[in-house]
């Protein structure tokens, strides 16, 4: 095999393991930019001939890469046309007048936008400035705990709740892409939503609200609320065209079990329409503003996982983990808890973006050990990697801190509390919901 071009079989496995540790360590710590680590992987893997080029660069052929790219273009269109800002302000204007209702409304707003704006970072960049303006309008000025709570409510709800919507965040796309590349497993939009939304979105959203109210208690200033009104203007032609594109895109995503077109190609088509002359909303030069670093990051993650499996390192890691993980064919609840805990642990080590690549690569081994279907094993990780304990695990939280002027201590307190509550409360409820749907049997 070409994979052993420069090194012996054992040497290839060792070199791949070192490269895996290096890349995951750099992605987790952020010592260098993500794109630099991605290029480091491509370069090292090819120079050492750890795997064929088709394996190393397989991430670019994955639907996850193209869905991320499409999401970036659509997110840019939302920002450039002003439709995203209009949508956020229109929804926020319907929030209740109490502090608890205000926080709950922000969490709901972050979740609703996940359906039409596929990029977590794009939603954070859109929402945080809007939240700061809204805080000023309701009296939550600088220094008030409620202002910190409002910003962090959006910062946590955006990556956590979007895990329930397949194309709405990077970890989901990494999971779906790896499952497709490794096992030929295609994950449909609507079944995924039914499986995860009732608990991961509704229950976890309630936990985020409760945690914010507990850690950052405050009250609104009734005298300031009247200033929150924003003059309404008619939709501009570009906004109207983009709204039609988003409506059609969402409709096709929801009905993918009927037409069998993968969400990635629907998202790519939406991006193409946005860039088309006359009917689109972006000029061709706008593509230069698309953040391709995230796309390359996803491609490198998927290529790294494919290389890990090509060299045999994945099987070795799988057997080592299976020796430590108490998976048994006759214990579905125990298996569900172990799989969830493993995904949460990997998210601490490799961040929420990197964990799905490692976990999904081991899913085949874990399926055989637990007696659960491959689909159930792959889906169980969503409960784990959406339980975050530290801000660095999710780039959207870091961006929220930067845009909102939030201290690391405040973000860590909230993230740790919500993460612990998620494992204790959400995991058992998710297990019960899955059994109600006839899963894990």
Protein backbone atom coordinates (compact mmCIF):
# COMPACT_ATOMS: atom_id res chain seq x y z
CA UNK A 1 0.00 0.00 0.00
CA UNK A 2 1.05 3.58 -0.58
CA UNK A 3 0.38 4.27 3.10
CA UNK A 4 3.63 2.45 3.95
CA UNK A 5 5.72 4.31 1.39
CA UNK A 6 8.27 5.80 3.80
CA UNK A 7 7.59 4.00 7.07
CA UNK A 8 7.00 0.45 8.16
CA UNK A 9 3.50 -0.63 9.13
CA UNK A 10 4.16 -0.01 12.83
CA UNK A 11 5.99 3.23 12.07
CA UNK A 12 3.04 4.46 10.04
CA UNK A 13 0.66 3.80 12.94
CA UNK A 14 2.97 5.56 15.41
CA UNK A 15 3.47 8.55 13.09
CA UNK A 16 -0.28 8.80 12.51
CA UNK A 17 -0.88 8.70 16.27
CA UNK A 18 1.63 11.50 16.84
CA UNK A 19 0.09 13.56 14.06
CA UNK A 20 -3.38 12.95 15.52
CA UNK A 21 -2.24 14.09 18.98
CA UNK A 22 -0.48 17.14 17.53
CA UNK A 23 -3.43 18.29 15.42
CA UNK A 24 -6.03 17.70 18.12
CA UNK A 25 -3.81 19.44 20.67
CA UNK A 26 -3.35 22.47 18.46
CA UNK A 27 -7.05 22.64 17.64
CA UNK A 28 -7.96 22.33 21.32
CA UNK A 29 -5.51 24.92 22.62
CA UNK A 30 -5.66 27.36 19.73
CA UNK A 31 -1.90 27.95 19.83
CA UNK A 32 -2.00 28.44 16.08
CA UNK A 33 -4.87 29.27 13.74
CA UNK A 34 -7.14 26.37 12.75
CA UNK A 35 -6.23 26.73 9.09
CA UNK A 36 -2.52 26.40 9.92
CA UNK A 37 -3.16 23.14 11.77
CA UNK A 38 -5.29 21.91 8.86
CA UNK A 39 -2.53 22.63 6.36
CA UNK A 40 -0.01 21.03 8.74
CA UNK A 41 -2.03 17.82 8.62
CA UNK A 42 -2.30 17.78 4.82
CA UNK A 43 1.39 18.54 4.39
CA UNK A 44 2.71 16.05 6.97
CA UNK A 45 0.42 13.23 5.91
CA UNK A 46 1.51 13.57 2.29
CA UNK A 47 5.22 14.08 2.97
CA UNK A 48 5.31 10.94 5.16
CA UNK A 49 2.93 9.09 2.83
CA UNK A 50 0.78 8.01 5.73
CA UNK A 51 -2.14 7.34 3.38
CA UNK A 52 -3.02 7.84 -0.30
CA UNK A 53 -3.96 11.34 -1.42
CA UNK A 54 -7.54 10.17 -1.97
CA UNK A 55 -7.71 9.37 1.76
CA UNK A 56 -5.87 12.42 3.09
CA UNK A 57 -8.01 14.81 1.04
CA UNK A 58 -11.25 12.81 1.31
CA UNK A 59 -12.80 15.54 3.45
CA UNK A 60 -13.14 17.74 0.39
CA UNK A 61 -15.34 15.07 -1.23
CA UNK A 62 -17.58 14.86 1.84
CA UNK A 63 -21.00 16.49 1.87
CA UNK A 64 -20.07 18.12 5.19
CA UNK A 65 -17.46 20.32 3.47
CA UNK A 66 -19.96 21.57 0.92
CA UNK A 67 -22.71 22.13 3.49
CA UNK A 68 -20.35 24.26 5.56
CA UNK A 69 -19.39 26.23 2.46
CA UNK A 70 -23.02 26.71 1.47
CA UNK A 71 -23.88 27.79 5.01
CA UNK A 72 -21.10 30.39 4.97
CA UNK A 73 -22.43 31.93 1.76
CA UNK A 74 -26.03 31.98 3.00
CA UNK A 75 -24.91 33.48 6.32
CA UNK A 76 -23.01 36.19 4.46
CA UNK A 77 -26.13 36.89 2.40
CA UNK A 78 -28.19 37.22 5.59
CA UNK A 79 -25.72 39.80 6.90
CA UNK A 80 -25.14 41.75 3.66
CA UNK A 81 -28.85 42.11 2.80
CA UNK A 82 -29.87 43.01 6.36
CA UNK A 83 -32.45 40.21 6.45
CA UNK A 84 -30.72 38.56 9.41
CA UNK A 85 -30.78 41.76 11.44
CA UNK A 86 -34.42 42.39 10.48
CA UNK A 87 -35.40 38.85 11.48
CA UNK A 88 -33.58 39.07 14.82
CA UNK A 89 -35.16 42.41 15.70
CA UNK A 90 -38.64 41.32 14.60
CA UNK A 91 -38.48 38.22 16.80
CA UNK A 92 -36.92 40.05 19.74
CA UNK A 93 -39.71 42.64 19.70
CA UNK A 94 -42.16 39.92 20.75
CA UNK A 95 -40.32 39.00 23.96
CA UNK A 96 -42.06 39.19 27.36
CA UNK A 97 -41.39 42.17 29.59
CA UNK A 98 -39.87 40.33 32.57
CA UNK A 99 -36.18 39.50 32.95
CA UNK A 100 -36.92 35.77 32.94
CA UNK A 101 -39.04 36.19 29.82
CA UNK A 102 -36.32 38.30 28.21
CA UNK A 103 -33.67 35.59 28.74
CA UNK A 104 -36.07 32.85 27.58
CA UNK A 105 -36.86 34.90 24.49
CA UNK A 106 -33.18 35.29 23.63
CA UNK A 107 -32.63 31.54 23.97
CA UNK A 108 -35.66 30.84 21.76
CA UNK A 109 -34.43 33.41 19.23
CA UNK A 110 -31.02 31.72 19.01
CA UNK A 111 -32.75 28.38 18.37
CA UNK A 112 -35.19 29.69 15.76
CA UNK A 113 -32.42 31.35 13.77
CA UNK A 114 -30.63 27.99 13.62
CA UNK A 115 -33.22 26.83 11.09
CA UNK A 116 -32.49 29.58 8.57
CA UNK A 117 -28.86 30.55 9.28
CA UNK A 118 -26.64 27.45 9.28
CA UNK A 119 -23.48 29.03 10.73
CA UNK A 120 -23.06 29.22 14.52
CA UNK A 121 -20.38 31.88 14.21
CA UNK A 122 -22.55 33.82 11.78
CA UNK A 123 -25.49 33.77 14.18
CA UNK A 124 -23.26 34.91 17.05
CA UNK A 125 -21.85 37.75 14.96
CA UNK A 126 -25.42 38.76 14.11
CA UNK A 127 -27.09 38.30 17.49
CA UNK A 128 -24.60 39.64 20.02
CA UNK A 129 -24.68 43.24 18.71
CA UNK A 130 -28.49 43.05 18.62
CA UNK A 131 -28.58 41.71 22.19
CA UNK A 132 -26.34 44.52 23.42
CA UNK A 133 -28.69 47.09 21.87
CA UNK A 134 -31.71 45.36 23.40
CA UNK A 135 -30.00 45.30 26.80
CA UNK A 136 -29.51 49.07 26.59
CA UNK A 137 -33.19 49.48 25.72
CA UNK A 138 -34.38 47.52 28.78
CA UNK A 139 -31.95 49.04 31.24
CA UNK A 140 -29.33 46.27 31.37
CA UNK A 141 -26.37 48.61 31.02
CA UNK A 142 -22.66 47.83 31.41
CA UNK A 143 -21.86 46.27 34.75
CA UNK A 144 -25.31 44.76 35.33
CA UNK A 145 -25.35 40.97 35.82
CA UNK A 146 -28.38 40.76 33.54
CA UNK A 147 -26.33 42.10 30.64
CA UNK A 148 -23.74 39.34 31.15
CA UNK A 149 -26.51 36.77 31.45
CA UNK A 150 -28.27 37.94 28.28
CA UNK A 151 -25.10 37.82 26.18
CA UNK A 152 -24.09 34.40 27.54
CA UNK A 153 -27.62 33.05 27.08
CA UNK A 154 -27.24 33.62 23.34
CA UNK A 155 -23.61 32.47 23.39
CA UNK A 156 -24.48 29.09 24.93
CA UNK A 157 -27.87 28.54 23.31
CA UNK A 158 -26.43 29.02 19.83
CA UNK A 159 -24.01 26.03 19.82
CA UNK A 160 -25.92 23.86 22.32
CA UNK A 161 -29.45 23.99 20.91
CA UNK A 162 -28.36 23.93 17.27
CA UNK A 163 -27.07 20.40 17.88
CA UNK A 164 -30.71 19.34 17.44
CA UNK A 165 -30.76 20.62 13.83
CA UNK A 166 -28.58 18.62 11.44
CA UNK A 167 -27.08 21.34 9.20
CA UNK A 168 -26.94 24.03 11.90
CA UNK A 169 -23.45 23.56 13.37
CA UNK A 170 -19.99 22.25 12.58
CA UNK A 171 -19.96 19.22 14.98
CA UNK A 172 -23.13 17.86 13.35
CA UNK A 173 -21.60 18.23 9.92
CA UNK A 174 -18.36 16.56 11.00
CA UNK A 175 -20.38 13.67 12.45
CA UNK A 176 -22.55 13.32 9.34
CA UNK A 177 -19.57 13.60 7.01
CA UNK A 178 -17.51 11.03 8.91
CA UNK A 179 -20.45 8.61 9.10
CA UNK A 180 -20.95 8.96 5.36
CA UNK A 181 -17.26 8.50 4.51
CA UNK A 182 -16.63 5.62 6.94
CA UNK A 183 -19.88 3.65 6.84
CA UNK A 184 -21.98 4.99 3.98
CA UNK A 185 -24.51 6.11 6.61
CA UNK A 186 -26.76 8.92 5.38
CA UNK A 187 -28.51 10.98 8.06
CA UNK A 188 -31.83 12.55 7.08
CA UNK A 189 -32.92 16.01 8.26
CA UNK A 190 -36.41 15.36 9.64
CA UNK A 191 -35.75 12.06 11.50
CA UNK A 192 -32.70 13.70 13.08
CA UNK A 193 -34.82 16.67 14.18
CA UNK A 194 -37.51 14.42 15.70
CA UNK A 195 -34.89 12.38 17.55
CA UNK A 196 -33.03 15.29 19.12
CA UNK A 197 -35.14 18.46 19.23
CA UNK A 198 -37.63 17.59 22.01
CA UNK A 199 -34.90 17.04 24.62
CA UNK A 200 -31.70 18.62 23.33
CA UNK A 201 -33.48 21.81 22.29
CA UNK A 202 -36.44 22.22 24.64
CA UNK A 203 -35.08 20.69 27.85
CA UNK A 204 -31.55 21.98 27.41
CA UNK A 205 -32.88 25.40 26.48
CA UNK A 206 -34.81 25.42 29.77
CA UNK A 207 -31.60 24.50 31.60
CA UNK A 208 -29.73 27.40 29.98
CA UNK A 209 -32.47 29.83 31.03
CA UNK A 210 -32.56 28.48 34.61
CA UNK A 211 -28.77 28.61 34.94
CA UNK A 212 -28.59 32.21 33.67
CA UNK A 213 -31.34 33.32 36.05
CA UNK A 214 -29.55 31.66 38.96
CA UNK A 215 -26.01 32.89 38.25
CA UNK A 216 -26.91 36.34 36.90
CA UNK A 217 -30.12 37.52 38.64
CA UNK A 218 -31.42 40.93 37.60
CA UNK A 219 -34.53 42.84 36.58
CA UNK A 220 -35.53 44.99 33.64
CA UNK A 221 -36.04 48.72 33.87
CA UNK A 222 -39.67 49.31 32.84
CA UNK A 223 -38.94 52.95 32.00
CA UNK A 224 -36.44 51.85 29.35
CA UNK A 225 -38.64 49.34 27.55
CA UNK A 226 -40.51 51.87 25.44
CA UNK A 227 -37.30 52.83 23.66
CA UNK A 228 -36.92 49.32 22.25
CA UNK A 229 -39.22 49.96 19.32
CA UNK A 230 -37.46 49.79 15.97
CA UNK A 231 -39.01 51.54 12.97
CA UNK A 232 -40.27 49.04 10.44
CA UNK A 233 -39.30 49.40 6.81
CA UNK A 234 -40.59 47.39 3.87
CA UNK A 235 -38.50 44.47 2.66
CA UNK A 236 -35.90 45.46 0.10
CA UNK A 237 -35.87 43.44 -3.15
CA UNK A 238 -32.70 41.58 -2.11
CA UNK A 239 -34.23 40.69 1.25
CA UNK A 240 -37.38 39.44 -0.43
CA UNK A 241 -35.42 37.24 -2.85
CA UNK A 242 -33.28 35.84 -0.02
CA UNK A 243 -36.39 35.11 2.06
CA UNK A 244 -37.76 33.05 -0.83
CA UNK A 245 -34.47 31.17 -1.16
CA UNK A 246 -34.41 30.43 2.58
CA UNK A 247 -38.02 29.28 2.57
CA UNK A 248 -37.41 26.89 -0.32
CA UNK A 249 -34.17 25.65 1.26
CA UNK A 250 -35.85 24.91 4.59
CA UNK A 251 -38.76 23.21 2.83
CA UNK A 252 -36.41 20.95 0.87
CA UNK A 253 -34.40 20.13 4.01
CA UNK A 254 -37.53 19.10 5.90
CA UNK A 255 -38.75 16.90 3.02
CA UNK A 256 -35.42 15.21 2.19
CA UNK A 257 -36.89 11.81 3.09
CA UNK A 258 -39.26 12.28 0.12
CA UNK A 259 -36.95 13.60 -2.58
CA UNK A 260 -33.72 12.01 -1.21
CA UNK A 261 -31.54 15.03 -2.00
CA UNK A 262 -28.86 15.39 0.69
CA UNK A 263 -28.98 18.61 2.78
CA UNK A 264 -25.48 19.48 1.56
CA UNK A 265 -26.52 19.78 -2.08
CA UNK A 266 -29.62 21.76 -1.15
CA UNK A 267 -27.44 24.16 0.84
CA UNK A 268 -24.95 24.38 -2.01
CA UNK A 269 -27.77 25.18 -4.43
CA UNK A 270 -29.00 27.93 -2.10
CA UNK A 271 -25.50 29.40 -2.00
CA UNK A 272 -25.27 29.27 -5.80
CA UNK A 273 -28.58 31.09 -6.19
CA UNK A 274 -27.38 33.76 -3.75
CA UNK A 275 -24.31 34.35 -5.96
CA UNK A 276 -26.13 34.29 -9.31
CA UNK A 277 -26.39 37.61 -11.18
CA UNK A 278 -29.81 39.30 -11.29
CA UNK A 279 -31.67 36.67 -9.25
CA UNK A 280 -29.09 36.45 -6.45
CA UNK A 281 -28.32 38.82 -3.57
CA UNK A 282 -24.51 38.79 -3.61
CA UNK A 283 -22.01 39.86 -6.23
CA UNK A 284 -19.38 37.31 -7.30
CA UNK A 285 -16.73 39.34 -5.45
CA UNK A 286 -18.58 38.63 -2.17
CA UNK A 287 -17.23 35.07 -2.21
CA UNK A 288 -13.90 36.56 -1.19
CA UNK A 289 -15.47 37.46 2.16
CA UNK A 290 -16.48 33.86 2.90
CA UNK A 291 -14.51 32.36 5.78
CA UNK A 292 -12.94 29.35 4.08
CA UNK A 293 -10.86 28.53 7.17
CA UNK A 294 -13.78 26.66 8.72
CA UNK A 295 -14.32 24.70 5.49
CA UNK A 296 -10.67 23.63 5.41
CA UNK A 297 -10.88 22.77 9.10
CA UNK A 298 -13.79 20.39 8.45
CA UNK A 299 -11.98 18.84 5.46
CA UNK A 300 -8.83 18.32 7.54
CA UNK A 301 -10.79 16.71 10.39
CA UNK A 302 -12.48 14.27 8.05
CA UNK A 303 -9.23 13.54 6.24
CA UNK A 304 -7.48 12.96 9.56
CA UNK A 305 -10.13 10.44 10.62
CA UNK A 306 -9.92 8.67 7.27
CA UNK A 307 -6.13 8.50 7.64
CA UNK A 308 -6.45 7.15 11.18
CA UNK A 309 -8.63 4.33 9.88
CA UNK A 310 -6.51 3.70 6.77
CA UNK A 311 -3.38 3.11 8.86
CA UNK A 312 -5.13 0.85 11.40
CA UNK A 313 -4.74 3.32 14.25
CA UNK A 314 -8.51 3.65 14.54
CA UNK A 315 -8.97 -0.06 15.15
CA UNK A 316 -6.20 -0.03 17.78
CA UNK A 317 -7.75 2.95 19.58
CA UNK A 318 -11.16 1.35 19.36
CA UNK A 319 -10.01 -1.85 20.99
CA UNK A 320 -8.20 0.11 23.72
CA UNK A 321 -11.30 2.16 24.50
CA UNK A 322 -13.54 -0.86 24.40
CA UNK A 323 -11.32 -2.46 27.00
CA UNK A 324 -12.08 0.47 29.32
CA UNK A 325 -15.69 1.21 28.36
CA UNK A 326 -18.22 -1.12 30.04
CA UNK A 327 -20.39 -1.83 26.99
CA UNK A 328 -22.66 -4.88 27.21
CA UNK A 329 -25.30 -6.14 24.77
CA UNK A 330 -27.87 -6.62 27.55
CA UNK A 331 -27.57 -3.15 29.16
CA UNK A 332 -29.02 -0.45 26.84
CA UNK A 333 -29.24 2.29 29.50
CA UNK A 334 -25.67 1.67 30.63
CA UNK A 335 -24.49 1.64 27.03
CA UNK A 336 -26.28 4.91 26.30
CA UNK A 337 -24.68 6.54 29.33
CA UNK A 338 -21.21 5.24 28.45
CA UNK A 339 -21.47 6.40 24.84
CA UNK A 340 -22.72 9.82 25.90
CA UNK A 341 -19.98 10.16 28.50
CA UNK A 342 -17.32 9.10 26.00
CA UNK A 343 -18.48 11.74 23.50
CA UNK A 344 -18.49 14.39 26.24
CA UNK A 345 -14.96 13.39 27.30
CA UNK A 346 -13.70 13.55 23.72
CA UNK A 347 -15.26 17.03 23.40
CA UNK A 348 -13.18 18.17 26.39
CA UNK A 349 -10.00 16.75 24.87
CA UNK A 350 -10.54 17.59 21.20
CA UNK A 351 -13.23 20.35 21.39
CA UNK A 352 -16.81 19.89 20.23
CA UNK A 353 -15.73 20.24 16.60
CA UNK A 354 -13.08 17.52 16.78
CA UNK A 355 -14.87 15.00 19.01
CA UNK A 356 -17.38 13.74 16.38
CA UNK A 357 -14.55 12.83 14.00
CA UNK A 358 -12.82 10.64 16.60
CA UNK A 359 -16.01 9.16 18.05
CA UNK A 360 -17.62 8.31 14.72
CA UNK A 361 -14.46 6.57 13.56
CA UNK A 362 -14.86 4.18 16.53
CA UNK A 363 -18.63 3.75 16.16
CA UNK A 364 -18.38 0.43 14.31
CA UNK A 365 -16.39 -1.18 17.12
CA UNK A 366 -18.71 0.25 19.77
CA UNK A 367 -21.78 -0.95 17.89
CA UNK A 368 -20.47 -4.51 17.87
CA UNK A 369 -19.57 -4.38 21.58
CA UNK A 370 -22.86 -2.85 22.75
CA UNK A 371 -25.26 -4.69 20.45
CA UNK A 372 -26.80 -1.33 19.47
CA UNK A 373 -27.34 -0.42 15.85
CA UNK A 374 -24.66 1.66 14.16
CA UNK A 375 -27.16 4.48 13.69
CA UNK A 376 -27.99 4.54 17.43
CA UNK A 377 -24.30 4.57 18.38
CA UNK A 378 -23.57 7.43 15.98
CA UNK A 379 -26.58 9.44 17.17
CA UNK A 380 -25.78 8.96 20.87
CA UNK A 381 -22.69 11.13 20.57
CA UNK A 382 -24.82 14.22 19.87
CA UNK A 383 -26.03 14.13 23.48
CA UNK A 384 -22.40 14.04 24.64
CA UNK A 385 -20.66 16.59 22.44
CA UNK A 386 -23.49 19.09 23.00
CA UNK A 387 -22.72 18.97 26.74
CA UNK A 388 -19.96 21.56 27.06
CA UNK A 389 -18.07 22.29 30.27
CA UNK A 390 -15.48 24.91 29.26
CA UNK A 391 -15.72 27.85 26.83
CA UNK A 392 -12.77 26.75 24.66
CA UNK A 393 -14.75 23.67 23.59
CA UNK A 394 -16.92 25.80 21.27
CA UNK A 395 -15.57 28.67 19.14
CA UNK A 396 -19.01 30.41 19.18
CA UNK A 397 -18.70 30.87 22.96
CA UNK A 398 -15.23 32.38 22.56
CA UNK A 399 -16.55 34.76 19.88
CA UNK A 400 -19.45 35.70 22.19
CA UNK A 401 -17.00 36.60 24.96
CA UNK A 402 -15.02 38.75 22.55
CA UNK A 403 -17.99 40.60 21.08
CA UNK A 404 -19.85 41.01 24.36
CA UNK A 405 -16.92 41.87 26.63
CA UNK A 406 -17.56 38.84 28.87
CA UNK A 407 -14.95 37.64 31.37
CA UNK A 408 -13.67 34.06 31.09
CA UNK A 409 -14.71 33.38 34.69
CA UNK A 410 -18.35 34.28 34.03
CA UNK A 411 -18.48 32.18 30.85
CA UNK A 412 -16.82 29.23 32.59
CA UNK A 413 -19.25 29.31 35.53
CA UNK A 414 -22.26 29.13 33.24
CA UNK A 415 -20.78 26.59 30.82
CA UNK A 416 -19.72 24.23 33.62
CA UNK A 417 -23.11 24.44 35.34
CA UNK A 418 -25.08 23.80 32.14
CA UNK A 419 -22.70 20.99 31.12
CA UNK A 420 -23.05 19.17 34.44
CA UNK A 421 -26.83 19.61 34.46
CA UNK A 422 -26.99 18.31 30.89
CA UNK A 423 -25.30 15.03 31.74
CA UNK A 424 -27.35 14.53 34.91
CA UNK A 425 -30.76 15.62 33.61
CA UNK A 426 -30.72 15.55 29.81
CA UNK A 427 -29.07 12.15 29.30
CA UNK A 428 -31.73 10.10 31.20
CA UNK A 429 -34.55 12.09 29.57
CA UNK A 430 -33.02 11.54 26.15
CA UNK A 431 -32.81 7.82 26.84
CA UNK A 432 -36.53 7.75 27.73
CA UNK A 433 -37.41 9.74 24.59
CA UNK A 434 -35.38 7.39 22.39
CA UNK A 435 -37.16 4.39 23.90
CA UNK A 436 -40.51 6.07 23.25
CA UNK A 437 -39.50 6.27 19.60
CA UNK A 438 -38.57 2.59 19.60
CA UNK A 439 -34.80 3.13 19.58
CA UNK A 440 -32.12 1.34 21.68
CA UNK A 441 -34.10 -1.90 21.71
